[in-house]
Amino acid sequence: MESSTQALREYELYCQCLNSFSNGNGAPREKLVELLISRSSQEIKIIRQTYSAVYNQDILHVLSNLGRTDPFANVVYLRINEAEQRDAELVRDSLFGWNAVNLSVIIEVVCTRSSAELYSIKQAYRTCYGSNIEQDISQKTSGNFKEILVGVLKSSNKHSSRVDKSMAMCDAKTLYEAVESGNSVDWKTIISILSDRNRGQIRAIFVSYKELYGHEFSRFLKCKKCWNFGKDLRFVLRGIQYPGKFFSKQIRGAMQRGDIKEVMARIIITRLEDDIKDISNVFAAKTGCSLGNLIRREFKDAGNRKNSNLLVAEFLLGLLKCR
C-alpha cells in the first residue's frame, strides 16, 4: 500500500512539473526531460490520466496549443501521446494540413507499422475524425501511390501475427509470374497480394522470392518495364521490408530539404520502442555520422541552456542513450 501511495505521489509531482511548464511558471525543465526519457509508455499514460484527474484538462490539448510556438512542447506532445492516436494525427495532418499533402509522412506511417498497429491507427482515426482513413487517402492522393497505399491499408484487416511459409512460397511464384510473363507487369495481381496478407506474411513472401529466384523482388522494379509504378512501389516496399533503411533515407532526405529537426524528432520518438537502434546503425553505416552527432550539429546553440531547441536536443540524445 505504501509503495502504491508513493507511486501516486510521484505521478502527481510529474504532473505538477508538466503543469508548471505548460503555464510558463519556470518548471524545472531538466526534471521534465528526465520524465520523458526514463518512463515507459504505460507509465506516461498513467501520468497523462493523473494530470486529467488533478487539473481537469487534457495535457495533450494544452501542449498542442503551446507547440505552435515552442519546439520543446511539440516533442513533449509526441512523447506523451498514445502511439495509435499520434500516428492517426500524423496522417490527418499530412492529408489536411496547411501545406500540400505530405506523402512522405503518410507512407512512413502506413508502410512501417505492423498490421495490428495499422488496424488500431485506423480505429483511432475514425474515432478522432469521424472519417475513414482509406477514403481520405484515396480522396487526397492520386496516381500510383493512391492505389498502392489503399492496398497496403487493406492488409491491416489481416492483423493476425501468423505466418504461413507454404503460402509465402506460392505467393512468391505468383509475383514472379506477374512480373516476368508477358510484355507488361500485372500490377493488379501484385496489389491484390499486398492487400490480402498481413505485414509479417508480406515480408515472408519477399524472403521466399529471394530464396527461389536469387534476388530481391524490388530489384526487378528498377527495370524499364516497370516505369514509374515500379519506382513508387519500390519506395513503399522499402518501408515494409527494411524500416531501418527506410527511416535512414528519410533522415538523409530531410538533411537536404532543411526540415531535419522535425523529421529527426518524429522518427526517434515514434520508433523508440521498435527499431531506433537499427535505424541509428544503418544511418551511421551510410553516412559515417551517428544520429547523436547529427542532433548535436543540427540543434547546436551557443546561448541559453533554456533555449527550446537545446532542450529538444537534450531530450532526443537522452532517448538514444537509454536505448
Protein backbone atom coordinates (compact mmCIF):
# COMPACT_ATOMS: atom_id res chain seq x y z
CA MET A 1 0.00 0.00 0.00
CA GLU A 2 2.86 2.32 0.89
CA SER A 3 4.61 1.74 -2.43
CA SER A 4 1.34 2.38 -4.28
CA THR A 5 0.86 5.67 -2.41
CA GLN A 6 4.45 6.63 -3.12
CA ALA A 7 4.00 5.91 -6.84
CA LEU A 8 0.84 8.03 -6.94
CA ARG A 9 2.64 10.88 -5.23
CA GLU A 10 5.45 10.61 -7.77
CA TYR A 11 2.98 10.78 -10.66
CA GLU A 12 1.38 13.84 -9.10
CA LEU A 13 4.79 15.53 -8.82
CA TYR A 14 5.42 14.86 -12.51
CA CYS A 15 2.01 16.34 -13.28
CA GLN A 16 2.94 19.45 -11.28
CA CYS A 17 6.08 19.70 -13.39
CA LEU A 18 4.04 19.42 -16.59
CA ASN A 19 1.55 21.98 -15.35
CA SER A 20 4.27 24.46 -14.41
CA PHE A 21 5.85 24.03 -17.82
CA SER A 22 2.54 24.47 -19.65
CA ASN A 23 1.79 27.64 -17.66
CA GLY A 24 5.24 29.10 -18.16
CA ASN A 25 5.91 29.20 -14.43
CA GLY A 26 9.57 28.25 -14.57
CA ALA A 27 9.23 24.49 -14.27
CA PRO A 28 12.46 22.54 -13.63
CA ARG A 29 12.87 21.52 -17.26
CA GLU A 30 15.67 19.06 -16.50
CA LYS A 31 13.13 17.14 -14.41
CA LEU A 32 10.68 17.18 -17.31
CA VAL A 33 13.35 15.88 -19.70
CA GLU A 34 14.14 13.12 -17.18
CA LEU A 35 10.46 12.19 -17.04
CA LEU A 36 10.14 11.92 -20.80
CA ILE A 37 13.30 9.83 -21.13
CA SER A 38 13.04 7.41 -18.24
CA ARG A 39 9.37 6.43 -18.14
CA SER A 40 7.75 3.66 -20.18
CA SER A 41 4.76 4.29 -22.43
CA GLN A 42 2.47 2.72 -19.83
CA GLU A 43 3.81 4.97 -17.08
CA ILE A 44 3.42 8.05 -19.27
CA LYS A 45 -0.17 7.02 -19.94
CA ILE A 46 -0.81 6.92 -16.18
CA ILE A 47 0.79 10.35 -15.77
CA ARG A 48 -1.46 11.73 -18.51
CA GLN A 49 -4.54 10.24 -16.81
CA THR A 50 -3.42 11.59 -13.44
CA TYR A 51 -2.98 15.05 -14.94
CA SER A 52 -6.52 14.96 -16.28
CA ALA A 53 -7.88 13.95 -12.87
CA VAL A 54 -5.89 16.57 -10.93
CA TYR A 55 -6.22 19.56 -13.27
CA ASN A 56 -9.45 18.67 -15.06
CA GLN A 57 -7.95 19.22 -18.50
CA ASP A 58 -6.22 17.19 -21.20
CA ILE A 59 -2.47 17.83 -21.17
CA LEU A 60 -2.37 16.97 -24.88
CA HIS A 61 -4.69 19.87 -25.67
CA VAL A 62 -2.52 22.21 -23.60
CA LEU A 63 0.69 21.05 -25.28
CA SER A 64 -0.89 21.26 -28.74
CA ASN A 65 -1.51 24.97 -28.23
CA LEU A 66 1.99 25.53 -26.85
CA GLY A 67 3.54 23.64 -29.75
CA ARG A 68 2.59 26.38 -32.19
CA THR A 69 5.49 28.46 -30.89
CA ASP A 70 7.58 26.08 -28.76
CA PRO A 71 9.51 23.17 -30.39
CA PHE A 72 10.05 21.54 -26.99
CA ALA A 73 6.29 21.42 -26.38
CA ASN A 74 5.97 19.60 -29.71
CA VAL A 75 8.31 16.78 -28.68
CA VAL A 76 6.63 16.54 -25.27
CA TYR A 77 3.33 16.16 -27.11
CA LEU A 78 4.70 13.41 -29.37
CA ARG A 79 6.16 11.53 -26.41
CA ILE A 80 3.05 11.73 -24.23
CA ASN A 81 0.51 10.88 -26.90
CA GLU A 82 -0.56 7.26 -27.38
CA ALA A 83 1.00 5.62 -30.42
CA GLU A 84 -2.16 4.91 -32.42
CA GLN A 85 -3.65 8.37 -31.78
CA ARG A 86 -0.32 10.04 -32.56
CA ASP A 87 0.00 8.16 -35.86
CA ALA A 88 -3.61 8.91 -36.79
CA GLU A 89 -2.87 12.61 -36.22
CA LEU A 90 0.30 12.42 -38.31
CA VAL A 91 -1.69 11.03 -41.23
CA ARG A 92 -4.52 13.52 -40.78
CA ASP A 93 -2.17 16.50 -40.64
CA SER A 94 -0.32 15.18 -43.70
CA LEU A 95 -3.57 14.98 -45.62
CA PHE A 96 -5.37 18.14 -44.47
CA GLY A 97 -2.62 20.40 -43.11
CA TRP A 98 -1.96 23.92 -44.32
CA ASN A 99 0.59 22.79 -46.88
CA ALA A 100 0.31 20.30 -49.74
CA VAL A 101 -0.29 16.62 -48.95
CA ASN A 102 2.81 15.18 -47.27
CA LEU A 103 3.06 11.78 -48.93
CA SER A 104 6.36 11.01 -47.25
CA VAL A 105 4.87 11.03 -43.74
CA ILE A 106 1.80 9.07 -44.86
CA ILE A 107 3.99 6.37 -46.38
CA GLU A 108 6.11 6.42 -43.22
CA VAL A 109 3.11 5.54 -41.06
CA VAL A 110 1.24 3.22 -43.43
CA CYS A 111 4.22 1.14 -44.53
CA THR A 112 6.36 0.74 -41.39
CA ARG A 113 3.70 -0.16 -38.81
CA SER A 114 2.58 -3.74 -38.26
CA SER A 115 -0.84 -4.87 -39.46
CA ALA A 116 -2.12 -4.86 -35.86
CA GLU A 117 -0.78 -1.33 -35.34
CA LEU A 118 -2.36 -0.17 -38.60
CA TYR A 119 -5.68 -1.64 -37.50
CA SER A 120 -5.51 0.38 -34.25
CA ILE A 121 -4.47 3.53 -36.15
CA LYS A 122 -7.49 3.18 -38.46
CA GLN A 123 -9.80 2.84 -35.44
CA ALA A 124 -8.22 5.86 -33.73
CA TYR A 125 -8.56 7.88 -36.94
CA ARG A 126 -12.27 7.09 -37.20
CA THR A 127 -12.84 7.91 -33.51
CA CYS A 128 -10.94 11.22 -33.67
CA TYR A 129 -12.14 12.48 -37.04
CA GLY A 130 -15.34 10.57 -37.82
CA SER A 131 -13.81 9.56 -41.13
CA ASN A 132 -12.32 6.54 -42.87
CA ILE A 133 -8.56 6.78 -43.34
CA GLU A 134 -8.64 4.77 -46.59
CA GLN A 135 -11.30 7.02 -48.09
CA ASP A 136 -9.42 10.18 -47.08
CA ILE A 137 -6.15 8.93 -48.55
CA SER A 138 -7.99 7.91 -51.70
CA GLN A 139 -9.58 11.37 -51.90
CA LYS A 140 -6.44 13.42 -51.24
CA THR A 141 -3.84 11.43 -53.17
CA SER A 142 -3.65 10.34 -56.78
CA GLY A 143 -1.75 8.18 -59.21
CA ASN A 144 0.33 5.17 -58.25
CA PHE A 145 0.66 5.97 -54.57
CA LYS A 146 -3.11 6.20 -54.18
CA GLU A 147 -3.57 2.64 -55.43
CA ILE A 148 -0.57 1.27 -53.52
CA LEU A 149 -1.35 2.92 -50.17
CA VAL A 150 -5.04 1.97 -50.19
CA GLY A 151 -3.98 -1.61 -50.96
CA VAL A 152 -1.48 -1.70 -48.10
CA LEU A 153 -4.05 -0.24 -45.70
CA LYS A 154 -6.47 -3.05 -46.53
CA SER A 155 -3.84 -5.54 -45.35
CA SER A 156 -4.44 -4.34 -41.77
CA ASN A 157 -7.71 -6.30 -41.80
CA LYS A 158 -5.48 -9.40 -41.74
CA HIS A 159 -3.82 -8.41 -38.47
CA SER A 160 -3.05 -11.91 -37.24
CA SER A 161 0.64 -12.45 -36.46
CA ARG A 162 0.61 -15.92 -38.03
CA VAL A 163 2.95 -16.53 -40.97
CA ASP A 164 2.35 -19.37 -43.44
CA LYS A 165 5.63 -20.28 -45.19
CA SER A 166 3.95 -22.53 -47.76
CA MET A 167 1.57 -19.74 -48.75
CA ALA A 168 4.53 -17.34 -48.91
CA MET A 169 6.24 -19.63 -51.44
CA CYS A 170 3.09 -19.81 -53.57
CA ASP A 171 2.66 -16.03 -53.47
CA ALA A 172 6.33 -15.55 -54.41
CA LYS A 173 5.76 -17.67 -57.51
CA THR A 174 2.64 -15.65 -58.32
CA LEU A 175 4.67 -12.44 -58.05
CA TYR A 176 7.29 -13.85 -60.38
CA GLU A 177 4.67 -14.72 -62.98
CA ALA A 178 3.11 -11.26 -62.60
CA VAL A 179 6.36 -9.52 -63.44
CA GLU A 180 8.05 -11.93 -65.83
CA SER A 181 5.27 -13.22 -68.07
CA GLY A 182 4.06 -11.04 -70.92
CA ASN A 183 5.19 -7.66 -72.15
CA SER A 184 3.67 -5.77 -69.23
CA VAL A 185 3.56 -6.20 -65.46
CA ASP A 186 0.37 -7.48 -63.85
CA TRP A 187 0.15 -4.75 -61.20
CA LYS A 188 -3.39 -5.76 -60.25
CA THR A 189 -2.17 -9.16 -59.00
CA ILE A 190 0.73 -7.60 -57.09
CA ILE A 191 -1.52 -5.08 -55.31
CA SER A 192 -4.03 -7.84 -54.57
CA ILE A 193 -1.35 -9.82 -52.72
CA LEU A 194 -0.24 -6.76 -50.75
CA SER A 195 -3.87 -6.06 -49.83
CA ASP A 196 -4.71 -9.55 -48.66
CA ARG A 197 -1.71 -10.53 -46.48
CA ASN A 198 -0.63 -9.33 -43.04
CA ARG A 199 2.66 -7.47 -42.67
CA GLY A 200 4.61 -10.50 -41.44
CA GLN A 201 3.27 -12.59 -44.29
CA ILE A 202 4.26 -9.95 -46.87
CA ARG A 203 7.83 -9.97 -45.55
CA ALA A 204 7.85 -13.77 -45.72
CA ILE A 205 6.78 -13.59 -49.38
CA PHE A 206 9.78 -11.45 -50.28
CA VAL A 207 12.13 -13.72 -48.35
CA SER A 208 10.72 -16.68 -50.31
CA TYR A 209 11.07 -14.74 -53.56
CA LYS A 210 14.78 -14.23 -52.97
CA GLU A 211 15.23 -17.90 -52.00
CA LEU A 212 13.51 -19.03 -55.19
CA TYR A 213 14.95 -16.59 -57.71
CA GLY A 214 18.21 -15.42 -56.20
CA HIS A 215 17.46 -11.70 -55.99
CA GLU A 216 15.16 -9.23 -54.26
CA PHE A 217 11.75 -8.61 -55.80
CA SER A 218 12.43 -4.87 -55.50
CA ARG A 219 15.43 -5.25 -57.83
CA PHE A 220 13.10 -6.08 -60.70
CA LEU A 221 11.10 -2.91 -60.00
CA LYS A 222 14.05 -0.84 -61.28
CA CYS A 223 13.72 -2.13 -64.84
CA LYS A 224 12.21 -0.04 -67.65
CA LYS A 225 9.30 -2.44 -67.91
CA CYS A 226 8.04 -1.20 -64.52
CA TRP A 227 8.13 2.53 -65.26
CA ASN A 228 7.05 4.93 -62.50
CA PHE A 229 4.71 2.46 -60.83
CA GLY A 230 7.68 0.22 -60.10
CA LYS A 231 9.68 3.13 -58.69
CA ASP A 232 6.83 4.17 -56.36
CA LEU A 233 6.12 0.60 -55.28
CA ARG A 234 9.82 0.08 -54.53
CA PHE A 235 9.77 3.08 -52.19
CA VAL A 236 6.78 1.65 -50.32
CA LEU A 237 8.26 -1.85 -50.13
CA ARG A 238 11.44 -0.48 -48.55
CA GLY A 239 9.30 0.70 -45.64
CA ILE A 240 7.64 -2.70 -45.32
CA GLN A 241 10.76 -4.85 -45.72
CA TYR A 242 13.56 -2.73 -44.28
CA PRO A 243 12.28 0.00 -41.94
CA GLY A 244 15.83 0.80 -40.80
CA LYS A 245 16.89 1.62 -44.36
CA PHE A 246 13.65 3.49 -44.99
CA PHE A 247 13.98 5.77 -41.96
CA SER A 248 17.67 6.32 -42.57
CA LYS A 249 16.79 7.58 -46.04
CA GLN A 250 14.02 9.76 -44.59
CA ILE A 251 16.56 11.46 -42.34
CA ARG A 252 19.05 11.93 -45.16
CA GLY A 253 16.32 13.45 -47.33
CA ALA A 254 15.39 15.85 -44.53
CA MET A 255 19.03 16.97 -44.31
CA GLN A 256 18.81 18.05 -47.94
CA ARG A 257 15.36 19.67 -47.63
CA GLY A 258 16.12 21.53 -44.41
CA ASP A 259 13.40 20.09 -42.14
CA ILE A 260 15.79 17.81 -40.29
CA LYS A 261 14.82 18.90 -36.74
CA GLU A 262 11.16 17.99 -37.22
CA VAL A 263 11.90 14.72 -39.02
CA MET A 264 14.52 13.54 -36.52
CA ALA A 265 12.29 14.27 -33.55
CA ARG A 266 9.36 12.43 -35.12
CA ILE A 267 11.35 9.37 -36.13
CA ILE A 268 13.27 8.99 -32.87
CA ILE A 269 10.13 9.30 -30.75
CA THR A 270 7.83 7.15 -32.89
CA ARG A 271 10.42 4.37 -33.36
CA LEU A 272 11.82 4.48 -29.85
CA GLU A 273 10.34 1.17 -28.72
CA ASP A 274 10.70 -0.57 -32.08
CA ASP A 275 13.85 -0.23 -34.16
CA ILE A 276 15.65 3.02 -33.30
CA LYS A 277 18.92 1.13 -32.77
CA ASP A 278 18.70 -0.41 -36.24
CA ILE A 279 17.88 2.98 -37.78
CA SER A 280 20.86 4.53 -36.00
CA ASN A 281 23.19 1.76 -37.16
CA VAL A 282 22.02 1.97 -40.78
CA PHE A 283 22.33 5.75 -40.78
CA ALA A 284 25.85 5.63 -39.33
CA ALA A 285 26.95 2.98 -41.85
CA LYS A 286 25.58 5.03 -44.74
CA THR A 287 26.84 8.48 -43.69
CA GLY A 288 29.71 7.89 -41.27
CA CYS A 289 27.85 10.11 -38.78
CA SER A 290 25.91 8.90 -35.75
CA LEU A 291 22.39 10.17 -35.04
CA GLY A 292 23.73 11.61 -31.80
CA ASN A 293 26.34 13.71 -33.60
CA LEU A 294 23.74 14.80 -36.15
CA ILE A 295 21.49 16.01 -33.32
CA ARG A 296 24.36 17.93 -31.72
CA ARG A 297 25.16 19.55 -35.05
CA GLU A 298 21.63 20.49 -36.06
CA PHE A 299 20.39 21.67 -32.65
CA LYS A 300 23.59 23.38 -31.51
CA ASP A 301 23.12 26.69 -29.74
CA ALA A 302 25.82 28.84 -28.19
CA GLY A 303 23.44 30.60 -25.85
CA ASN A 304 20.99 29.89 -23.10
CA ARG A 305 20.53 26.36 -21.70
CA LYS A 306 16.80 27.05 -21.53
CA ASN A 307 16.64 27.56 -25.29
CA SER A 308 13.82 25.35 -26.58
CA ASN A 309 15.83 23.76 -29.38
CA LEU A 310 18.62 22.91 -26.94
CA LEU A 311 16.11 21.20 -24.67
CA VAL A 312 14.86 19.19 -27.64
CA ALA A 313 18.44 18.11 -28.35
CA GLU A 314 19.00 17.04 -24.74
CA PHE A 315 15.76 15.10 -24.81
CA LEU A 316 16.50 13.28 -28.09
CA LEU A 317 20.06 12.46 -27.03
CA GLY A 318 18.72 11.11 -23.73
CA LEU A 319 16.27 8.86 -25.55
CA LEU A 320 19.01 7.47 -27.79
CA LYS A 321 21.30 6.87 -24.82
CA CYS A 322 18.65 4.90 -22.94
CA ARG A 323 18.00 2.55 -25.85
